[in-house]
Amino acid sequence: MEPMANEHAALQDTGIPEAAGRQRSRKVRKELNQETADALVRRLCHLLDAGDFFGRNSMLPPLEKIGKLFLATAEDQNQSEFNCAVSPKVRQQVPLLFQAMAGVMEERTGLMIQSTAEINGEGFGRGLLYSGRVILVLKSLRAGAPFPFTSAEKTIRYGVECIEEGQAFLDKYKVMTSEYGLLSLEG
């Protein structure tokens, strides 16, 4: 049997690229902008108050109100995971959170920001934040992820990250839209 043509090189090369050999680590999460987080909590509480027709929960502190009226319980999460159907609580969370994010972005930018969000019974859907013809934030929801939110901290982090993403997009394309406005962008 003949030896390999490049036996010496084969012994030196492990076959694993250096970048692939490193272990993956979690992303380093940057610190939240507290002003944006407070604005998101305030907007979310206003939306929850609008749905609380008799004002039963109006005297609760903001984070407790979010926990009681907005966050899914562990049972809702287990129900969603068990039979692949999305609970009504999750179907309520998606549009409310995107409406709150749109309200905060309106305050920050001075532009009219609309939101649309839907999730079907199987957990697939889409959430948008847009102004005019420009889509600022587009999130695909697959199997309900990242919903259902079970902690206020994760909810606020997701909302603030989406708001910052939309504002970064607006800042990036401000030069393009400064002369004719947001409605002038094509394609």
C-alpha atoms as a PDB file:
ATOM      1  CA  MET A   1       0.000   0.000   0.000  1.00  0.00           C
ATOM      2  CA  GLU A   2       1.376   3.395  -1.003  1.00  0.00           C
ATOM      3  CA  PRO A   3       1.849   6.166   1.551  1.00  0.00           C
ATOM      4  CA  MET A   4      -0.277   9.270   1.254  1.00  0.00           C
ATOM      5  CA  ALA A   5       1.076  11.889  -1.110  1.00  0.00           C
ATOM      6  CA  ASN A   6       1.066  14.640   1.483  1.00  0.00           C
ATOM      7  CA  GLU A   7       1.399  12.640   4.669  1.00  0.00           C
ATOM      8  CA  HIS A   8       3.473  15.259   6.500  1.00  0.00           C
ATOM      9  CA  ALA A   9       0.881  18.032   5.842  1.00  0.00           C
ATOM     10  CA  ALA A  10      -1.932  15.740   6.898  1.00  0.00           C
ATOM     11  CA  LEU A  11      -0.289  15.142  10.253  1.00  0.00           C
ATOM     12  CA  GLN A  12       0.186  18.878  10.904  1.00  0.00           C
ATOM     13  CA  ASP A  13      -3.313  19.948   9.868  1.00  0.00           C
ATOM     14  CA  THR A  14      -6.030  18.905  12.293  1.00  0.00           C
ATOM     15  CA  GLY A  15      -8.724  19.671   9.753  1.00  0.00           C
ATOM     16  CA  ILE A  16     -10.539  22.014  12.122  1.00  0.00           C
ATOM     17  CA  PRO A  17     -10.266  25.702  11.296  1.00  0.00           C
ATOM     18  CA  GLU A  18      -9.067  27.815  14.206  1.00  0.00           C
ATOM     19  CA  ALA A  19     -12.310  29.824  14.393  1.00  0.00           C
ATOM     20  CA  ALA A  20     -14.420  26.659  14.457  1.00  0.00           C
ATOM     21  CA  GLY A  21     -12.310  25.132  17.215  1.00  0.00           C
ATOM     22  CA  ARG A  22     -13.236  27.862  19.699  1.00  0.00           C
ATOM     23  CA  GLN A  23     -16.244  27.341  21.868  1.00  0.00           C
ATOM     24  CA  ARG A  24     -19.197  29.578  21.324  1.00  0.00           C
ATOM     25  CA  SER A  25     -20.147  31.915  24.090  1.00  0.00           C
ATOM     26  CA  ARG A  26     -23.280  33.864  24.730  1.00  0.00           C
ATOM     27  CA  LYS A  27     -23.545  37.348  23.363  1.00  0.00           C
ATOM     28  CA  VAL A  28     -22.491  40.013  25.770  1.00  0.00           C
ATOM     29  CA  ARG A  29     -25.616  41.946  26.516  1.00  0.00           C
ATOM     30  CA  LYS A  30     -25.155  45.653  26.615  1.00  0.00           C
ATOM     31  CA  GLU A  31     -26.738  47.728  29.295  1.00  0.00           C
ATOM     32  CA  LEU A  32     -30.275  48.912  28.637  1.00  0.00           C
ATOM     33  CA  ASN A  33     -31.046  52.562  28.092  1.00  0.00           C
ATOM     34  CA  GLN A  34     -33.032  53.223  31.272  1.00  0.00           C
ATOM     35  CA  GLU A  35     -34.916  56.179  29.794  1.00  0.00           C
ATOM     36  CA  THR A  36     -36.188  54.050  26.908  1.00  0.00           C
ATOM     37  CA  ALA A  37     -37.059  51.197  29.276  1.00  0.00           C
ATOM     38  CA  ASP A  38     -39.074  53.552  31.503  1.00  0.00           C
ATOM     39  CA  ALA A  39     -40.901  54.964  28.473  1.00  0.00           C
ATOM     40  CA  LEU A  40     -41.724  51.435  27.286  1.00  0.00           C
ATOM     41  CA  VAL A  41     -43.084  50.443  30.704  1.00  0.00           C
ATOM     42  CA  ARG A  42     -45.184  53.618  30.826  1.00  0.00           C
ATOM     43  CA  ARG A  43     -46.600  53.024  27.314  1.00  0.00           C
ATOM     44  CA  LEU A  44     -47.330  49.382  28.040  1.00  0.00           C
ATOM     45  CA  CYS A  45     -49.147  50.337  31.253  1.00  0.00           C
ATOM     46  CA  HIS A  46     -51.252  52.889  29.348  1.00  0.00           C
ATOM     47  CA  LEU A  47     -52.282  50.199  26.868  1.00  0.00           C
ATOM     48  CA  LEU A  48     -53.109  47.778  29.676  1.00  0.00           C
ATOM     49  CA  ASP A  49     -55.171  50.473  31.429  1.00  0.00           C
ATOM     50  CA  ALA A  50     -57.125  51.024  28.208  1.00  0.00           C
ATOM     51  CA  GLY A  51     -58.128  47.354  28.248  1.00  0.00           C
ATOM     52  CA  ASP A  52     -58.970  47.357  31.965  1.00  0.00           C
ATOM     53  CA  PHE A  53     -62.513  48.673  31.539  1.00  0.00           C
ATOM     54  CA  PHE A  54     -63.481  48.833  35.196  1.00  0.00           C
ATOM     55  CA  GLY A  55     -60.102  49.997  36.489  1.00  0.00           C
ATOM     56  CA  ARG A  56     -59.636  47.046  38.791  1.00  0.00           C
ATOM     57  CA  ASN A  57     -55.863  47.129  38.412  1.00  0.00           C
ATOM     58  CA  SER A  58     -55.351  50.871  38.047  1.00  0.00           C
ATOM     59  CA  MET A  59     -53.760  51.285  41.472  1.00  0.00           C
ATOM     60  CA  LEU A  60     -51.097  48.610  40.961  1.00  0.00           C
ATOM     61  CA  PRO A  61     -47.465  49.683  40.478  1.00  0.00           C
ATOM     62  CA  PRO A  62     -46.337  49.475  36.825  1.00  0.00           C
ATOM     63  CA  LEU A  63     -44.250  46.301  37.009  1.00  0.00           C
ATOM     64  CA  GLU A  64     -46.900  44.492  39.045  1.00  0.00           C
ATOM     65  CA  LYS A  65     -49.555  45.584  36.542  1.00  0.00           C
ATOM     66  CA  ILE A  66     -47.451  44.225  33.675  1.00  0.00           C
ATOM     67  CA  GLY A  67     -46.936  40.986  35.583  1.00  0.00           C
ATOM     68  CA  LYS A  68     -50.625  40.516  36.293  1.00  0.00           C
ATOM     69  CA  LEU A  69     -52.207  41.658  33.021  1.00  0.00           C
ATOM     70  CA  PHE A  70     -49.531  41.091  30.389  1.00  0.00           C
ATOM     71  CA  LEU A  71     -47.077  38.330  31.241  1.00  0.00           C
ATOM     72  CA  ALA A  72     -47.879  34.704  30.572  1.00  0.00           C
ATOM     73  CA  THR A  73     -47.870  32.237  33.408  1.00  0.00           C
ATOM     74  CA  ALA A  74     -45.844  29.045  33.423  1.00  0.00           C
ATOM     75  CA  GLU A  75     -49.070  27.166  32.652  1.00  0.00           C
ATOM     76  CA  ASP A  76     -49.597  29.265  29.503  1.00  0.00           C
ATOM     77  CA  GLN A  77     -46.038  28.567  28.440  1.00  0.00           C
ATOM     78  CA  ASN A  78     -46.392  24.834  29.052  1.00  0.00           C
ATOM     79  CA  GLN A  79     -49.673  24.797  27.140  1.00  0.00           C
ATOM     80  CA  SER A  80     -47.978  26.459  24.178  1.00  0.00           C
ATOM     81  CA  GLU A  81     -45.077  24.009  24.247  1.00  0.00           C
ATOM     82  CA  PHE A  82     -47.246  20.916  24.812  1.00  0.00           C
ATOM     83  CA  ASN A  83     -49.715  20.991  21.969  1.00  0.00           C
ATOM     84  CA  CYS A  84     -47.988  23.497  19.636  1.00  0.00           C
ATOM     85  CA  ALA A  85     -50.955  25.832  19.945  1.00  0.00           C
ATOM     86  CA  VAL A  86     -50.516  29.401  21.066  1.00  0.00           C
ATOM     87  CA  SER A  87     -52.445  30.414  24.153  1.00  0.00           C
ATOM     88  CA  PRO A  88     -54.765  33.431  24.055  1.00  0.00           C
ATOM     89  CA  LYS A  89     -52.406  35.226  26.447  1.00  0.00           C
ATOM     90  CA  VAL A  90     -49.593  35.022  23.895  1.00  0.00           C
ATOM     91  CA  ARG A  91     -51.843  36.202  21.083  1.00  0.00           C
ATOM     92  CA  GLN A  92     -52.617  39.229  23.243  1.00  0.00           C
ATOM     93  CA  GLN A  93     -48.958  39.920  24.099  1.00  0.00           C
ATOM     94  CA  VAL A  94     -47.691  40.295  20.541  1.00  0.00           C
ATOM     95  CA  PRO A  95     -49.758  43.281  19.301  1.00  0.00           C
ATOM     96  CA  LEU A  96     -49.681  45.062  22.677  1.00  0.00           C
ATOM     97  CA  LEU A  97     -45.897  45.017  22.871  1.00  0.00           C
ATOM     98  CA  PHE A  98     -45.492  46.243  19.296  1.00  0.00           C
ATOM     99  CA  GLN A  99     -48.022  49.052  19.919  1.00  0.00           C
ATOM    100  CA  ALA A 100     -46.067  50.128  22.985  1.00  0.00           C
ATOM    101  CA  MET A 101     -42.807  50.097  21.026  1.00  0.00           C
ATOM    102  CA  ALA A 102     -44.377  52.200  18.255  1.00  0.00           C
ATOM    103  CA  GLY A 103     -45.566  54.750  20.819  1.00  0.00           C
ATOM    104  CA  VAL A 104     -42.099  55.097  22.320  1.00  0.00           C
ATOM    105  CA  MET A 105     -40.548  55.502  18.880  1.00  0.00           C
ATOM    106  CA  GLU A 106     -43.093  58.217  18.053  1.00  0.00           C
ATOM    107  CA  GLU A 107     -42.055  60.115  21.178  1.00  0.00           C
ATOM    108  CA  ARG A 108     -38.362  59.764  20.357  1.00  0.00           C
ATOM    109  CA  THR A 109     -38.431  60.557  16.646  1.00  0.00           C
ATOM    110  CA  GLY A 110     -41.406  62.872  16.187  1.00  0.00           C
ATOM    111  CA  LEU A 111     -42.571  60.737  13.257  1.00  0.00           C
ATOM    112  CA  MET A 112     -45.807  58.814  13.003  1.00  0.00           C
ATOM    113  CA  ILE A 113     -44.903  55.175  13.640  1.00  0.00           C
ATOM    114  CA  GLN A 114     -47.431  52.421  13.011  1.00  0.00           C
ATOM    115  CA  SER A 115     -47.307  48.865  14.219  1.00  0.00           C
ATOM    116  CA  THR A 116     -48.865  45.707  12.996  1.00  0.00           C
ATOM    117  CA  ALA A 117     -48.401  42.347  14.597  1.00  0.00           C
ATOM    118  CA  GLU A 118     -50.168  39.061  14.336  1.00  0.00           C
ATOM    119  CA  ILE A 119     -49.559  35.498  15.327  1.00  0.00           C
ATOM    120  CA  ASN A 120     -51.580  32.536  14.112  1.00  0.00           C
ATOM    121  CA  GLY A 121     -52.765  29.584  16.157  1.00  0.00           C
ATOM    122  CA  GLU A 122     -49.584  27.616  15.457  1.00  0.00           C
ATOM    123  CA  GLY A 123     -47.284  30.358  16.699  1.00  0.00           C
ATOM    124  CA  PHE A 124     -46.061  31.777  13.411  1.00  0.00           C
ATOM    125  CA  GLY A 125     -46.392  35.447  12.666  1.00  0.00           C
ATOM    126  CA  ARG A 126     -44.741  38.771  12.102  1.00  0.00           C
ATOM    127  CA  GLY A 127     -44.368  42.053  13.904  1.00  0.00           C
ATOM    128  CA  LEU A 128     -43.658  45.320  12.093  1.00  0.00           C
ATOM    129  CA  LEU A 129     -42.897  48.879  13.039  1.00  0.00           C
ATOM    130  CA  TYR A 130     -43.058  51.221  10.070  1.00  0.00           C
ATOM    131  CA  SER A 131     -43.342  54.855   9.124  1.00  0.00           C
ATOM    132  CA  GLY A 132     -44.808  55.743   5.766  1.00  0.00           C
ATOM    133  CA  ARG A 133     -43.393  53.218   3.328  1.00  0.00           C
ATOM    134  CA  VAL A 134     -40.280  52.444   5.351  1.00  0.00           C
ATOM    135  CA  ILE A 135     -40.162  49.334   7.530  1.00  0.00           C
ATOM    136  CA  LEU A 136     -38.098  50.139  10.609  1.00  0.00           C
ATOM    137  CA  VAL A 137     -38.334  46.845  12.492  1.00  0.00           C
ATOM    138  CA  LEU A 138     -39.392  43.464  11.138  1.00  0.00           C
ATOM    139  CA  LYS A 139     -39.508  40.502  13.508  1.00  0.00           C
ATOM    140  CA  SER A 140     -40.519  37.026  12.427  1.00  0.00           C
ATOM    141  CA  LEU A 141     -42.166  34.908  15.072  1.00  0.00           C
ATOM    142  CA  ARG A 142     -41.511  31.212  14.696  1.00  0.00           C
ATOM    143  CA  ALA A 143     -43.222  28.781  17.032  1.00  0.00           C
ATOM    144  CA  GLY A 144     -44.145  31.764  19.166  1.00  0.00           C
ATOM    145  CA  ALA A 145     -40.503  32.578  20.034  1.00  0.00           C
ATOM    146  CA  PRO A 146     -39.523  34.841  21.814  1.00  0.00           C
ATOM    147  CA  PHE A 147     -43.086  34.921  23.103  1.00  0.00           C
ATOM    148  CA  PRO A 148     -44.591  34.078  25.600  1.00  0.00           C
ATOM    149  CA  PHE A 149     -42.779  36.420  27.921  1.00  0.00           C
ATOM    150  CA  THR A 150     -42.884  35.265  31.516  1.00  0.00           C
ATOM    151  CA  SER A 151     -40.694  37.965  33.078  1.00  0.00           C
ATOM    152  CA  ALA A 152     -40.908  41.731  32.862  1.00  0.00           C
ATOM    153  CA  GLU A 153     -37.133  42.002  32.464  1.00  0.00           C
ATOM    154  CA  LYS A 154     -37.082  39.929  29.253  1.00  0.00           C
ATOM    155  CA  THR A 155     -40.085  41.811  27.902  1.00  0.00           C
ATOM    156  CA  ILE A 156     -38.486  45.192  28.502  1.00  0.00           C
ATOM    157  CA  ARG A 157     -35.140  44.055  27.072  1.00  0.00           C
ATOM    158  CA  TYR A 158     -36.804  42.783  23.874  1.00  0.00           C
ATOM    159  CA  GLY A 159     -38.802  45.993  23.494  1.00  0.00           C
ATOM    160  CA  VAL A 160     -35.844  48.301  24.095  1.00  0.00           C
ATOM    161  CA  GLU A 161     -33.673  46.352  21.641  1.00  0.00           C
ATOM    162  CA  CYS A 162     -36.371  46.646  18.954  1.00  0.00           C
ATOM    163  CA  ILE A 163     -36.768  50.374  19.613  1.00  0.00           C
ATOM    164  CA  GLU A 164     -33.013  50.933  19.384  1.00  0.00           C
ATOM    165  CA  GLU A 165     -32.896  48.898  16.168  1.00  0.00           C
ATOM    166  CA  GLY A 166     -35.615  51.068  14.621  1.00  0.00           C
ATOM    167  CA  GLN A 167     -33.976  54.308  15.727  1.00  0.00           C
ATOM    168  CA  ALA A 168     -30.610  53.146  14.360  1.00  0.00           C
ATOM    169  CA  PHE A 169     -32.273  52.432  11.027  1.00  0.00           C
ATOM    170  CA  LEU A 170     -33.807  55.915  10.976  1.00  0.00           C
ATOM    171  CA  ASP A 171     -30.472  57.536  11.832  1.00  0.00           C
ATOM    172  CA  LYS A 172     -28.690  55.531   9.144  1.00  0.00           C
ATOM    173  CA  TYR A 173     -31.073  56.603   6.413  1.00  0.00           C
ATOM    174  CA  LYS A 174     -31.727  60.133   7.636  1.00  0.00           C
ATOM    175  CA  VAL A 175     -29.510  61.580   4.892  1.00  0.00           C
ATOM    176  CA  MET A 176     -31.412  59.696   2.196  1.00  0.00           C
ATOM    177  CA  THR A 177     -34.766  60.900   3.473  1.00  0.00           C
ATOM    178  CA  SER A 178     -33.844  64.449   4.505  1.00  0.00           C
ATOM    179  CA  GLU A 179     -34.630  66.037   1.136  1.00  0.00           C
ATOM    180  CA  TYR A 180     -37.917  64.348   0.215  1.00  0.00           C
ATOM    181  CA  GLY A 181     -39.083  62.636   3.417  1.00  0.00           C
ATOM    182  CA  LEU A 182     -39.767  59.014   4.254  1.00  0.00           C
ATOM    183  CA  LEU A 183     -42.415  58.641   1.574  1.00  0.00           C
ATOM    184  CA  SER A 184     -39.881  59.227  -1.197  1.00  0.00           C
ATOM    185  CA  LEU A 185     -37.885  56.020  -0.734  1.00  0.00           C
ATOM    186  CA  GLU A 186     -38.456  53.498  -3.487  1.00  0.00           C
ATOM    187  CA  GLY A 187     -37.664  49.815  -3.451  1.00  0.00           C
END
